[in-house]
């Protein structure tokens, strides 16, 4: 189940993965991310949310794995593996820390795992 509360032990990329998954799976409205996005990220969410494969019927998607990489201070490039029923999807996103020290999502992409063979 997707956690809606802030867990103090979560890293910023783990917390954002939960928030983004809630929006992309239809559990939260896109406008809930208005103050937590910068640049084109909000527009990307508006475009992705209605059509994302994370809106699977009769399943609640869950984050299997979430990892982050810090290419420089104040930036996290992250990816998450998401299970929805028998499907696995990939979500990648970029976080940037502002002068107010708050993390905001700057970009997001969602892809499906392609079958082998």
PDB file of N, CA and C in Angstrom:
ATOM      1  N   UNK A   1       0.837  -1.180   0.000  1.00  0.00           N
ATOM      2  CA  UNK A   1       0.000   0.000   0.000  1.00  0.00           C
ATOM      3  C   UNK A   1       0.884   1.246   0.000  1.00  0.00           C
ATOM      4  N   UNK A   2       0.460   2.278  -0.660  1.00  0.00           N
ATOM      5  CA  UNK A   2       1.225   3.512  -0.774  1.00  0.00           C
ATOM      6  C   UNK A   2       1.056   4.332   0.494  1.00  0.00           C
ATOM      7  N   UNK A   3       2.163   4.713   1.074  1.00  0.00           N
ATOM      8  CA  UNK A   3       2.124   5.516   2.297  1.00  0.00           C
ATOM      9  C   UNK A   3       1.844   6.971   1.967  1.00  0.00           C
ATOM     10  N   UNK A   4       0.882   7.576   2.654  1.00  0.00           N
ATOM     11  CA  UNK A   4       0.531   8.969   2.418  1.00  0.00           C
ATOM     12  C   UNK A   4       1.168   9.888   3.452  1.00  0.00           C
ATOM     13  N   UNK A   5       1.866   9.353   4.429  1.00  0.00           N
ATOM     14  CA  UNK A   5       2.480  10.192   5.451  1.00  0.00           C
ATOM     15  C   UNK A   5       3.982  10.234   5.238  1.00  0.00           C
ATOM     16  N   UNK A   6       4.583  11.268   5.743  1.00  0.00           N
ATOM     17  CA  UNK A   6       6.033  11.402   5.589  1.00  0.00           C
ATOM     18  C   UNK A   6       6.738  10.561   6.646  1.00  0.00           C
ATOM     19  N   UNK A   7       7.521   9.637   6.186  1.00  0.00           N
ATOM     20  CA  UNK A   7       8.295   8.802   7.088  1.00  0.00           C
ATOM     21  C   UNK A   7       9.648   9.473   7.286  1.00  0.00           C
ATOM     22  N   UNK A   8      10.053   9.707   8.532  1.00  0.00           N
ATOM     23  CA  UNK A   8      11.291  10.451   8.779  1.00  0.00           C
ATOM     24  C   UNK A   8      12.546   9.741   8.288  1.00  0.00           C
ATOM     25  N   UNK A   9      12.487   8.422   8.128  1.00  0.00           N
ATOM     26  CA  UNK A   9      13.679   7.689   7.715  1.00  0.00           C
ATOM     27  C   UNK A   9      13.815   7.553   6.201  1.00  0.00           C
ATOM     28  N   UNK A  10      12.846   8.046   5.450  1.00  0.00           N
ATOM     29  CA  UNK A  10      12.925   7.956   3.999  1.00  0.00           C
ATOM     30  C   UNK A  10      13.847   9.032   3.436  1.00  0.00           C
ATOM     31  N   UNK A  11      14.642   8.651   2.472  1.00  0.00           N
ATOM     32  CA  UNK A  11      15.466   9.600   1.734  1.00  0.00           C
ATOM     33  C   UNK A  11      14.538  10.408   0.824  1.00  0.00           C
ATOM     34  N   UNK A  12      14.953  11.607   0.395  1.00  0.00           N
ATOM     35  CA  UNK A  12      14.076  12.411  -0.474  1.00  0.00           C
ATOM     36  C   UNK A  12      13.598  11.650  -1.713  1.00  0.00           C
ATOM     37  N   UNK A  13      14.474  10.897  -2.359  1.00  0.00           N
ATOM     38  CA  UNK A  13      14.046  10.187  -3.570  1.00  0.00           C
ATOM     39  C   UNK A  13      13.043   9.074  -3.246  1.00  0.00           C
ATOM     40  N   UNK A  14      13.137   8.469  -2.085  1.00  0.00           N
ATOM     41  CA  UNK A  14      12.172   7.440  -1.703  1.00  0.00           C
ATOM     42  C   UNK A  14      10.798   8.065  -1.424  1.00  0.00           C
ATOM     43  N   UNK A  15      10.790   9.198  -0.740  1.00  0.00           N
ATOM     44  CA  UNK A  15       9.535   9.892  -0.453  1.00  0.00           C
ATOM     45  C   UNK A  15       8.874  10.358  -1.749  1.00  0.00           C
ATOM     46  N   UNK A  16       9.679  10.928  -2.668  1.00  0.00           N
ATOM     47  CA  UNK A  16       9.115  11.385  -3.940  1.00  0.00           C
ATOM     48  C   UNK A  16       8.638  10.219  -4.789  1.00  0.00           C
ATOM     49  N   UNK A  17       9.304   9.097  -4.738  1.00  0.00           N
ATOM     50  CA  UNK A  17       8.831   7.930  -5.484  1.00  0.00           C
ATOM     51  C   UNK A  17       7.426   7.555  -5.019  1.00  0.00           C
ATOM     52  N   UNK A  18       7.194   7.594  -3.722  1.00  0.00           N
ATOM     53  CA  UNK A  18       5.852   7.300  -3.184  1.00  0.00           C
ATOM     54  C   UNK A  18       4.826   8.333  -3.660  1.00  0.00           C
ATOM     55  N   UNK A  19       5.192   9.606  -3.601  1.00  0.00           N
ATOM     56  CA  UNK A  19       4.273  10.667  -4.038  1.00  0.00           C
ATOM     57  C   UNK A  19       3.956  10.557  -5.520  1.00  0.00           C
ATOM     58  N   UNK A  20       4.991  10.362  -6.328  1.00  0.00           N
ATOM     59  CA  UNK A  20       4.790  10.253  -7.773  1.00  0.00           C
ATOM     60  C   UNK A  20       3.946   9.028  -8.119  1.00  0.00           C
ATOM     61  N   UNK A  21       4.204   7.920  -7.449  1.00  0.00           N
ATOM     62  CA  UNK A  21       3.421   6.717  -7.707  1.00  0.00           C
ATOM     63  C   UNK A  21       1.954   6.938  -7.353  1.00  0.00           C
ATOM     64  N   UNK A  22       1.694   7.634  -6.263  1.00  0.00           N
ATOM     65  CA  UNK A  22       0.305   7.915  -5.872  1.00  0.00           C
ATOM     66  C   UNK A  22      -0.406   8.737  -6.951  1.00  0.00           C
ATOM     67  N   UNK A  23       0.283   9.699  -7.543  1.00  0.00           N
ATOM     68  CA  UNK A  23      -0.313  10.517  -8.604  1.00  0.00           C
ATOM     69  C   UNK A  23      -0.473   9.696  -9.882  1.00  0.00           C
ATOM     70  N   UNK A  24       0.545   8.973 -10.266  1.00  0.00           N
ATOM     71  CA  UNK A  24       0.506   8.227 -11.522  1.00  0.00           C
ATOM     72  C   UNK A  24      -0.430   7.023 -11.487  1.00  0.00           C
ATOM     73  N   UNK A  25      -0.758   6.550 -10.288  1.00  0.00           N
ATOM     74  CA  UNK A  25      -1.688   5.429 -10.180  1.00  0.00           C
ATOM     75  C   UNK A  25      -3.120   5.898  -9.932  1.00  0.00           C
ATOM     76  N   UNK A  26      -3.307   7.222  -9.846  1.00  0.00           N
ATOM     77  CA  UNK A  26      -4.644   7.768  -9.684  1.00  0.00           C
ATOM     78  C   UNK A  26      -5.116   7.881  -8.247  1.00  0.00           C
ATOM     79  N   UNK A  27      -4.254   7.595  -7.273  1.00  0.00           N
ATOM     80  CA  UNK A  27      -4.652   7.691  -5.875  1.00  0.00           C
ATOM     81  C   UNK A  27      -4.625   9.121  -5.341  1.00  0.00           C
ATOM     82  N   UNK A  28      -3.862   9.974  -5.986  1.00  0.00           N
ATOM     83  CA  UNK A  28      -3.802  11.393  -5.626  1.00  0.00           C
ATOM     84  C   UNK A  28      -3.964  12.212  -6.896  1.00  0.00           C
ATOM     85  N   UNK A  29      -4.545  13.403  -6.795  1.00  0.00           N
ATOM     86  CA  UNK A  29      -4.682  14.252  -7.984  1.00  0.00           C
ATOM     87  C   UNK A  29      -3.333  14.870  -8.379  1.00  0.00           C
ATOM     88  N   UNK A  30      -3.182  15.151  -9.645  1.00  0.00           N
ATOM     89  CA  UNK A  30      -1.942  15.750 -10.147  1.00  0.00           C
ATOM     90  C   UNK A  30      -1.649  17.067  -9.435  1.00  0.00           C
ATOM     91  N   UNK A  31      -2.686  17.861  -9.178  1.00  0.00           N
ATOM     92  CA  UNK A  31      -2.436  19.175  -8.567  1.00  0.00           C
ATOM     93  C   UNK A  31      -1.845  19.079  -7.158  1.00  0.00           C
ATOM     94  N   UNK A  32      -1.832  17.897  -6.560  1.00  0.00           N
ATOM     95  CA  UNK A  32      -1.187  17.740  -5.252  1.00  0.00           C
ATOM     96  C   UNK A  32       0.325  17.914  -5.348  1.00  0.00           C
ATOM     97  N   UNK A  33       0.868  17.883  -6.571  1.00  0.00           N
ATOM     98  CA  UNK A  33       2.311  18.035  -6.779  1.00  0.00           C
ATOM     99  C   UNK A  33       2.701  19.450  -7.207  1.00  0.00           C
ATOM    100  N   UNK A  34       1.761  20.376  -7.212  1.00  0.00           N
ATOM    101  CA  UNK A  34       2.045  21.739  -7.689  1.00  0.00           C
ATOM    102  C   UNK A  34       3.240  22.381  -6.991  1.00  0.00           C
ATOM    103  N   UNK A  35       3.317  22.356  -5.700  1.00  0.00           N
ATOM    104  CA  UNK A  35       4.425  22.993  -4.994  1.00  0.00           C
ATOM    105  C   UNK A  35       5.656  22.125  -4.874  1.00  0.00           C
ATOM    106  N   UNK A  36       5.581  20.908  -5.416  1.00  0.00           N
ATOM    107  CA  UNK A  36       6.686  19.969  -5.282  1.00  0.00           C
ATOM    108  C   UNK A  36       7.355  19.653  -6.610  1.00  0.00           C
ATOM    109  N   UNK A  37       7.044  20.453  -7.626  1.00  0.00           N
ATOM    110  CA  UNK A  37       7.653  20.269  -8.943  1.00  0.00           C
ATOM    111  C   UNK A  37       8.214  21.600  -9.425  1.00  0.00           C
ATOM    112  N   UNK A  38       9.178  21.533 -10.322  1.00  0.00           N
ATOM    113  CA  UNK A  38       9.735  22.724 -10.961  1.00  0.00           C
ATOM    114  C   UNK A  38       9.912  22.426 -12.442  1.00  0.00           C
ATOM    115  N   UNK A  39      10.068  23.480 -13.202  1.00  0.00           N
ATOM    116  CA  UNK A  39      10.313  23.311 -14.637  1.00  0.00           C
ATOM    117  C   UNK A  39       9.177  22.575 -15.314  1.00  0.00           C
ATOM    118  N   UNK A  40       9.537  21.626 -16.159  1.00  0.00           N
ATOM    119  CA  UNK A  40       8.556  20.887 -16.953  1.00  0.00           C
ATOM    120  C   UNK A  40       7.951  19.692 -16.227  1.00  0.00           C
ATOM    121  N   UNK A  41       8.373  19.418 -15.011  1.00  0.00           N
ATOM    122  CA  UNK A  41       7.924  18.211 -14.318  1.00  0.00           C
ATOM    123  C   UNK A  41       6.410  18.181 -14.125  1.00  0.00           C
ATOM    124  N   UNK A  42       5.809  19.299 -13.781  1.00  0.00           N
ATOM    125  CA  UNK A  42       4.354  19.307 -13.581  1.00  0.00           C
ATOM    126  C   UNK A  42       3.639  19.012 -14.896  1.00  0.00           C
ATOM    127  N   UNK A  43       4.085  19.622 -15.980  1.00  0.00           N
ATOM    128  CA  UNK A  43       3.493  19.352 -17.297  1.00  0.00           C
ATOM    129  C   UNK A  43       3.664  17.880 -17.682  1.00  0.00           C
ATOM    130  N   UNK A  44       4.813  17.307 -17.329  1.00  0.00           N
ATOM    131  CA  UNK A  44       5.035  15.889 -17.606  1.00  0.00           C
ATOM    132  C   UNK A  44       4.028  15.036 -16.832  1.00  0.00           C
ATOM    133  N   UNK A  45       3.778  15.387 -15.576  1.00  0.00           N
ATOM    134  CA  UNK A  45       2.801  14.652 -14.777  1.00  0.00           C
ATOM    135  C   UNK A  45       1.390  14.776 -15.348  1.00  0.00           C
ATOM    136  N   UNK A  46       1.025  15.985 -15.770  1.00  0.00           N
ATOM    137  CA  UNK A  46      -0.302  16.198 -16.354  1.00  0.00           C
ATOM    138  C   UNK A  46      -0.474  15.307 -17.582  1.00  0.00           C
ATOM    139  N   UNK A  47       0.573  15.184 -18.378  1.00  0.00           N
ATOM    140  CA  UNK A  47       0.518  14.354 -19.581  1.00  0.00           C
ATOM    141  C   UNK A  47       0.522  12.855 -19.242  1.00  0.00           C
ATOM    142  N   UNK A  48       1.358  12.442 -18.282  1.00  0.00           N
ATOM    143  CA  UNK A  48       1.504  11.026 -17.958  1.00  0.00           C
ATOM    144  C   UNK A  48       0.351  10.447 -17.147  1.00  0.00           C
ATOM    145  N   UNK A  49      -0.177  11.203 -16.206  1.00  0.00           N
ATOM    146  CA  UNK A  49      -1.136  10.657 -15.233  1.00  0.00           C
ATOM    147  C   UNK A  49      -2.344   9.957 -15.858  1.00  0.00           C
ATOM    148  N   UNK A  50      -3.000  10.537 -16.853  1.00  0.00           N
ATOM    149  CA  UNK A  50      -4.190   9.854 -17.372  1.00  0.00           C
ATOM    150  C   UNK A  50      -3.888   8.617 -18.216  1.00  0.00           C
ATOM    151  N   UNK A  51      -2.674   8.504 -18.733  1.00  0.00           N
ATOM    152  CA  UNK A  51      -2.369   7.428 -19.676  1.00  0.00           C
ATOM    153  C   UNK A  51      -1.338   6.439 -19.171  1.00  0.00           C
ATOM    154  N   UNK A  52      -0.824   6.634 -17.985  1.00  0.00           N
ATOM    155  CA  UNK A  52       0.257   5.784 -17.497  1.00  0.00           C
ATOM    156  C   UNK A  52      -0.183   4.334 -17.321  1.00  0.00           C
ATOM    157  N   UNK A  53       0.709   3.400 -17.601  1.00  0.00           N
ATOM    158  CA  UNK A  53       0.378   1.988 -17.385  1.00  0.00           C
ATOM    159  C   UNK A  53       0.294   1.638 -15.899  1.00  0.00           C
ATOM    160  N   UNK A  54       0.584   2.579 -15.015  1.00  0.00           N
ATOM    161  CA  UNK A  54       0.501   2.312 -13.583  1.00  0.00           C
ATOM    162  C   UNK A  54      -0.938   2.319 -13.083  1.00  0.00           C
ATOM    163  N   UNK A  55      -1.876   2.688 -13.950  1.00  0.00           N
ATOM    164  CA  UNK A  55      -3.295   2.665 -13.583  1.00  0.00           C
ATOM    165  C   UNK A  55      -3.883   1.300 -13.949  1.00  0.00           C
ATOM    166  N   UNK A  56      -3.308   0.256 -13.410  1.00  0.00           N
ATOM    167  CA  UNK A  56      -3.770  -1.101 -13.707  1.00  0.00           C
ATOM    168  C   UNK A  56      -5.068  -1.390 -12.946  1.00  0.00           C
ATOM    169  N   UNK A  57      -5.933  -2.125 -13.588  1.00  0.00           N
ATOM    170  CA  UNK A  57      -7.212  -2.482 -12.952  1.00  0.00           C
ATOM    171  C   UNK A  57      -6.996  -3.554 -11.892  1.00  0.00           C
ATOM    172  N   UNK A  58      -7.711  -3.404 -10.802  1.00  0.00           N
ATOM    173  CA  UNK A  58      -7.742  -4.394  -9.720  1.00  0.00           C
ATOM    174  C   UNK A  58      -6.394  -4.648  -9.061  1.00  0.00           C
ATOM    175  N   UNK A  59      -5.435  -3.757  -9.224  1.00  0.00           N
ATOM    176  CA  UNK A  59      -4.151  -3.905  -8.544  1.00  0.00           C
ATOM    177  C   UNK A  59      -3.732  -2.549  -8.002  1.00  0.00           C
ATOM    178  N   UNK A  60      -2.999  -2.589  -6.916  1.00  0.00           N
ATOM    179  CA  UNK A  60      -2.409  -1.376  -6.368  1.00  0.00           C
ATOM    180  C   UNK A  60      -0.907  -1.484  -6.602  1.00  0.00           C
ATOM    181  N   UNK A  61      -0.344  -0.589  -7.394  1.00  0.00           N
ATOM    182  CA  UNK A  61       1.088  -0.672  -7.658  1.00  0.00           C
ATOM    183  C   UNK A  61       1.896  -0.385  -6.395  1.00  0.00           C
ATOM    184  N   UNK A  62       3.021  -1.062  -6.283  1.00  0.00           N
ATOM    185  CA  UNK A  62       3.908  -0.877  -5.140  1.00  0.00           C
ATOM    186  C   UNK A  62       5.340  -0.695  -5.630  1.00  0.00           C
ATOM    187  N   UNK A  63       6.104   0.048  -4.869  1.00  0.00           N
ATOM    188  CA  UNK A  63       7.509   0.252  -5.212  1.00  0.00           C
ATOM    189  C   UNK A  63       8.298  -0.947  -4.713  1.00  0.00           C
ATOM    190  N   UNK A  64       8.986  -1.600  -5.637  1.00  0.00           N
ATOM    191  CA  UNK A  64       9.828  -2.751  -5.269  1.00  0.00           C
ATOM    192  C   UNK A  64      11.212  -2.286  -4.864  1.00  0.00           C
ATOM    193  N   UNK A  65      11.768  -1.382  -5.656  1.00  0.00           N
ATOM    194  CA  UNK A  65      13.124  -0.892  -5.416  1.00  0.00           C
ATOM    195  C   UNK A  65      13.170   0.579  -5.769  1.00  0.00           C
ATOM    196  N   UNK A  66      13.925   1.346  -5.010  1.00  0.00           N
ATOM    197  CA  UNK A  66      14.135   2.757  -5.341  1.00  0.00           C
ATOM    198  C   UNK A  66      15.576   3.110  -5.004  1.00  0.00           C
ATOM    199  N   UNK A  67      16.268   3.651  -5.963  1.00  0.00           N
ATOM    200  CA  UNK A  67      17.675   4.021  -5.790  1.00  0.00           C
ATOM    201  C   UNK A  67      17.890   5.448  -6.276  1.00  0.00           C
ATOM    202  N   UNK A  68      18.872   6.096  -5.681  1.00  0.00           N
ATOM    203  CA  UNK A  68      19.195   7.454  -6.086  1.00  0.00           C
ATOM    204  C   UNK A  68      20.687   7.625  -6.270  1.00  0.00           C
ATOM    205  N   UNK A  69      21.043   8.519  -7.153  1.00  0.00           N
ATOM    206  CA  UNK A  69      22.441   8.847  -7.443  1.00  0.00           C
ATOM    207  C   UNK A  69      22.594  10.356  -7.321  1.00  0.00           C
ATOM    208  N   UNK A  70      23.639  10.805  -6.645  1.00  0.00           N
ATOM    209  CA  UNK A  70      23.890  12.237  -6.457  1.00  0.00           C
ATOM    210  C   UNK A  70      25.008  12.685  -7.396  1.00  0.00           C
ATOM    211  N   UNK A  71      24.673  13.180  -8.604  1.00  0.00           N
ATOM    212  CA  UNK A  71      25.721  13.610  -9.536  1.00  0.00           C
ATOM    213  C   UNK A  71      26.458  14.854  -9.040  1.00  0.00           C
ATOM    214  N   UNK A  72      25.783  15.640  -8.198  1.00  0.00           N
ATOM    215  CA  UNK A  72      26.413  16.794  -7.567  1.00  0.00           C
ATOM    216  C   UNK A  72      25.544  17.198  -6.381  1.00  0.00           C
ATOM    217  N   UNK A  73      26.054  18.005  -5.473  1.00  0.00           N
ATOM    218  CA  UNK A  73      25.242  18.411  -4.320  1.00  0.00           C
ATOM    219  C   UNK A  73      23.958  19.107  -4.763  1.00  0.00           C
ATOM    220  N   UNK A  74      22.873  18.772  -4.103  1.00  0.00           N
ATOM    221  CA  UNK A  74      21.591  19.388  -4.408  1.00  0.00           C
ATOM    222  C   UNK A  74      20.841  18.776  -5.567  1.00  0.00           C
ATOM    223  N   UNK A  75      21.314  17.647  -6.092  1.00  0.00           N
ATOM    224  CA  UNK A  75      20.659  16.971  -7.218  1.00  0.00           C
ATOM    225  C   UNK A  75      20.637  15.468  -6.942  1.00  0.00           C
ATOM    226  N   UNK A  76      19.489  14.855  -7.173  1.00  0.00           N
ATOM    227  CA  UNK A  76      19.366  13.399  -7.085  1.00  0.00           C
ATOM    228  C   UNK A  76      18.700  12.911  -8.361  1.00  0.00           C
ATOM    229  N   UNK A  77      19.345  11.977  -9.018  1.00  0.00           N
ATOM    230  CA  UNK A  77      18.735  11.296 -10.146  1.00  0.00           C
ATOM    231  C   UNK A  77      18.363   9.915  -9.635  1.00  0.00           C
ATOM    232  N   UNK A  78      17.077   9.578  -9.739  1.00  0.00           N
ATOM    233  CA  UNK A  78      16.589   8.362  -9.111  1.00  0.00           C
ATOM    234  C   UNK A  78      15.787   7.509 -10.078  1.00  0.00           C
ATOM    235  N   UNK A  79      15.648   6.248  -9.719  1.00  0.00           N
ATOM    236  CA  UNK A  79      14.799   5.334 -10.471  1.00  0.00           C
ATOM    237  C   UNK A  79      14.098   4.422  -9.485  1.00  0.00           C
ATOM    238  N   UNK A  80      12.938   3.941  -9.891  1.00  0.00           N
ATOM    239  CA  UNK A  80      12.184   3.013  -9.062  1.00  0.00           C
ATOM    240  C   UNK A  80      11.623   1.905  -9.935  1.00  0.00           C
ATOM    241  N   UNK A  81      11.605   0.715  -9.400  1.00  0.00           N
ATOM    242  CA  UNK A  81      10.966  -0.436 -10.021  1.00  0.00           C
ATOM    243  C   UNK A  81       9.605  -0.587  -9.353  1.00  0.00           C
ATOM    244  N   UNK A  82       8.549  -0.648 -10.161  1.00  0.00           N
ATOM    245  CA  UNK A  82       7.185  -0.653  -9.632  1.00  0.00           C
ATOM    246  C   UNK A  82       6.457  -1.893 -10.122  1.00  0.00           C
ATOM    247  N   UNK A  83       5.879  -2.640  -9.184  1.00  0.00           N
ATOM    248  CA  UNK A  83       5.103  -3.824  -9.520  1.00  0.00           C
ATOM    249  C   UNK A  83       3.625  -3.479  -9.472  1.00  0.00           C
ATOM    250  N   UNK A  84       2.901  -3.865 -10.521  1.00  0.00           N
ATOM    251  CA  UNK A  84       1.450  -3.701 -10.579  1.00  0.00           C
ATOM    252  C   UNK A  84       0.888  -5.006 -11.115  1.00  0.00           C
ATOM    253  N   UNK A  85       0.400  -5.835 -10.228  1.00  0.00           N
ATOM    254  CA  UNK A  85      -0.032  -7.161 -10.650  1.00  0.00           C
ATOM    255  C   UNK A  85       1.172  -7.968 -11.094  1.00  0.00           C
ATOM    256  N   UNK A  86       1.099  -8.554 -12.289  1.00  0.00           N
ATOM    257  CA  UNK A  86       2.228  -9.325 -12.802  1.00  0.00           C
ATOM    258  C   UNK A  86       3.139  -8.500 -13.703  1.00  0.00           C
ATOM    259  N   UNK A  87       2.919  -7.199 -13.740  1.00  0.00           N
ATOM    260  CA  UNK A  87       3.728  -6.297 -14.566  1.00  0.00           C
ATOM    261  C   UNK A  87       4.728  -5.531 -13.716  1.00  0.00           C
ATOM    262  N   UNK A  88       5.868  -5.227 -14.322  1.00  0.00           N
ATOM    263  CA  UNK A  88       6.879  -4.402 -13.671  1.00  0.00           C
ATOM    264  C   UNK A  88       7.147  -3.205 -14.559  1.00  0.00           C
ATOM    265  N   UNK A  89       7.148  -2.033 -13.967  1.00  0.00           N
ATOM    266  CA  UNK A  89       7.387  -0.786 -14.695  1.00  0.00           C
ATOM    267  C   UNK A  89       8.612  -0.101 -14.097  1.00  0.00           C
ATOM    268  N   UNK A  90       9.182   0.800 -14.873  1.00  0.00           N
ATOM    269  CA  UNK A  90      10.302   1.604 -14.405  1.00  0.00           C
ATOM    270  C   UNK A  90       9.884   3.069 -14.390  1.00  0.00           C
ATOM    271  N   UNK A  91      10.300   3.762 -13.370  1.00  0.00           N
ATOM    272  CA  UNK A  91      10.036   5.196 -13.258  1.00  0.00           C
ATOM    273  C   UNK A  91      11.371   5.867 -12.923  1.00  0.00           C
ATOM    274  N   UNK A  92      11.709   6.888 -13.675  1.00  0.00           N
ATOM    275  CA  UNK A  92      12.929   7.651 -13.412  1.00  0.00           C
ATOM    276  C   UNK A  92      12.532   9.097 -13.162  1.00  0.00           C
ATOM    277  N   UNK A  93      13.243   9.751 -12.252  1.00  0.00           N
ATOM    278  CA  UNK A  93      12.941  11.143 -11.957  1.00  0.00           C
ATOM    279  C   UNK A  93      14.175  11.847 -11.423  1.00  0.00           C
ATOM    280  N   UNK A  94      14.125  13.158 -11.490  1.00  0.00           N
ATOM    281  CA  UNK A  94      15.233  14.001 -11.044  1.00  0.00           C
ATOM    282  C   UNK A  94      14.709  14.957  -9.982  1.00  0.00           C
ATOM    283  N   UNK A  95      15.434  15.063  -8.886  1.00  0.00           N
ATOM    284  CA  UNK A  95      15.101  15.997  -7.817  1.00  0.00           C
ATOM    285  C   UNK A  95      16.179  17.064  -7.731  1.00  0.00           C
ATOM    286  N   UNK A  96      15.749  18.280  -7.454  1.00  0.00           N
ATOM    287  CA  UNK A  96      16.692  19.379  -7.251  1.00  0.00           C
ATOM    288  C   UNK A  96      16.330  20.084  -5.955  1.00  0.00           C
ATOM    289  N   UNK A  97      17.348  20.424  -5.186  1.00  0.00           N
ATOM    290  CA  UNK A  97      17.145  21.105  -3.917  1.00  0.00           C
ATOM    291  C   UNK A  97      17.263  22.600  -4.125  1.00  0.00           C
ATOM    292  N   UNK A  98      16.227  23.328  -3.715  1.00  0.00           N
ATOM    293  CA  UNK A  98      16.200  24.771  -3.903  1.00  0.00           C
ATOM    294  C   UNK A  98      16.927  25.512  -2.794  1.00  0.00           C
ATOM    295  N   UNK A  99      17.024  26.842  -2.922  1.00  0.00           N
ATOM    296  CA  UNK A  99      17.678  27.664  -1.908  1.00  0.00           C
ATOM    297  C   UNK A  99      17.005  27.544  -0.536  1.00  0.00           C
ATOM    298  N   UNK A 100      15.711  27.162  -0.529  1.00  0.00           N
ATOM    299  CA  UNK A 100      14.987  26.968   0.729  1.00  0.00           C
ATOM    300  C   UNK A 100      15.225  25.564   1.309  1.00  0.00           C
ATOM    301  N   UNK A 101      16.113  24.794   0.665  1.00  0.00           N
ATOM    302  CA  UNK A 101      16.500  23.432   1.048  1.00  0.00           C
ATOM    303  C   UNK A 101      15.397  22.387   0.833  1.00  0.00           C
ATOM    304  N   UNK A 102      14.314  22.770   0.178  1.00  0.00           N
ATOM    305  CA  UNK A 102      13.255  21.818  -0.149  1.00  0.00           C
ATOM    306  C   UNK A 102      13.590  21.114  -1.463  1.00  0.00           C
ATOM    307  N   UNK A 103      13.280  19.828  -1.509  1.00  0.00           N
ATOM    308  CA  UNK A 103      13.475  19.049  -2.723  1.00  0.00           C
ATOM    309  C   UNK A 103      12.241  19.168  -3.598  1.00  0.00           C
ATOM    310  N   UNK A 104      12.463  19.315  -4.905  1.00  0.00           N
ATOM    311  CA  UNK A 104      11.372  19.382  -5.865  1.00  0.00           C
ATOM    312  C   UNK A 104      11.716  18.514  -7.066  1.00  0.00           C
ATOM    313  N   UNK A 105      10.688  17.935  -7.648  1.00  0.00           N
ATOM    314  CA  UNK A 105      10.866  17.087  -8.823  1.00  0.00           C
ATOM    315  C   UNK A 105      11.041  17.970 -10.052  1.00  0.00           C
ATOM    316  N   UNK A 106      12.086  17.708 -10.820  1.00  0.00           N
ATOM    317  CA  UNK A 106      12.382  18.508 -12.007  1.00  0.00           C
ATOM    318  C   UNK A 106      12.080  17.760 -13.311  1.00  0.00           C
ATOM    319  N   UNK A 107      11.973  16.430 -13.252  1.00  0.00           N
ATOM    320  CA  UNK A 107      11.683  15.641 -14.459  1.00  0.00           C
ATOM    321  C   UNK A 107      11.213  14.258 -14.041  1.00  0.00           C
ATOM    322  N   UNK A 108      10.399  13.665 -14.903  1.00  0.00           N
ATOM    323  CA  UNK A 108       9.902  12.307 -14.636  1.00  0.00           C
ATOM    324  C   UNK A 108       9.660  11.583 -15.949  1.00  0.00           C
ATOM    325  N   UNK A 109       9.937  10.268 -15.933  1.00  0.00           N
ATOM    326  CA  UNK A 109       9.651   9.396 -17.074  1.00  0.00           C
ATOM    327  C   UNK A 109       9.149   8.063 -16.542  1.00  0.00           C
ATOM    328  N   UNK A 110       8.226   7.458 -17.267  1.00  0.00           N
ATOM    329  CA  UNK A 110       7.693   6.146 -16.908  1.00  0.00           C
ATOM    330  C   UNK A 110       7.791   5.257 -18.139  1.00  0.00           C
ATOM    331  N   UNK A 111       8.283   4.043 -17.950  1.00  0.00           N
ATOM    332  CA  UNK A 111       8.399   3.095 -19.062  1.00  0.00           C
ATOM    333  C   UNK A 111       7.952   1.728 -18.592  1.00  0.00           C
ATOM    334  N   UNK A 112       7.522   0.921 -19.519  1.00  0.00           N
ATOM    335  CA  UNK A 112       7.152  -0.454 -19.165  1.00  0.00           C
ATOM    336  C   UNK A 112       8.327  -1.373 -19.453  1.00  0.00           C
ATOM    337  N   UNK A 113       8.376  -2.450 -18.743  1.00  0.00           N
ATOM    338  CA  UNK A 113       9.412  -3.452 -18.978  1.00  0.00           C
ATOM    339  C   UNK A 113       9.017  -4.230 -20.216  1.00  0.00           C
ATOM    340  N   UNK A 114       9.922  -4.341 -21.122  1.00  0.00           N
ATOM    341  CA  UNK A 114       9.624  -5.048 -22.372  1.00  0.00           C
ATOM    342  C   UNK A 114       9.854  -6.538 -22.199  1.00  0.00           C
ATOM    343  N   UNK A 115       8.993  -7.325 -22.770  1.00  0.00           N
ATOM    344  CA  UNK A 115       9.160  -8.783 -22.649  1.00  0.00           C
ATOM    345  C   UNK A 115      10.425  -9.238 -23.346  1.00  0.00           C
ATOM    346  N   UNK A 116      11.051 -10.230 -22.778  1.00  0.00           N
ATOM    347  CA  UNK A 116      12.260 -10.787 -23.393  1.00  0.00           C
ATOM    348  C   UNK A 116      11.873 -11.752 -24.522  1.00  0.00           C
ATOM    349  N   UNK A 117      12.755 -11.808 -25.484  1.00  0.00           N
ATOM    350  CA  UNK A 117      12.526 -12.807 -26.520  1.00  0.00           C
ATOM    351  C   UNK A 117      12.215 -12.253 -27.784  1.00  0.00           C
TER     352      UNK A 117
END
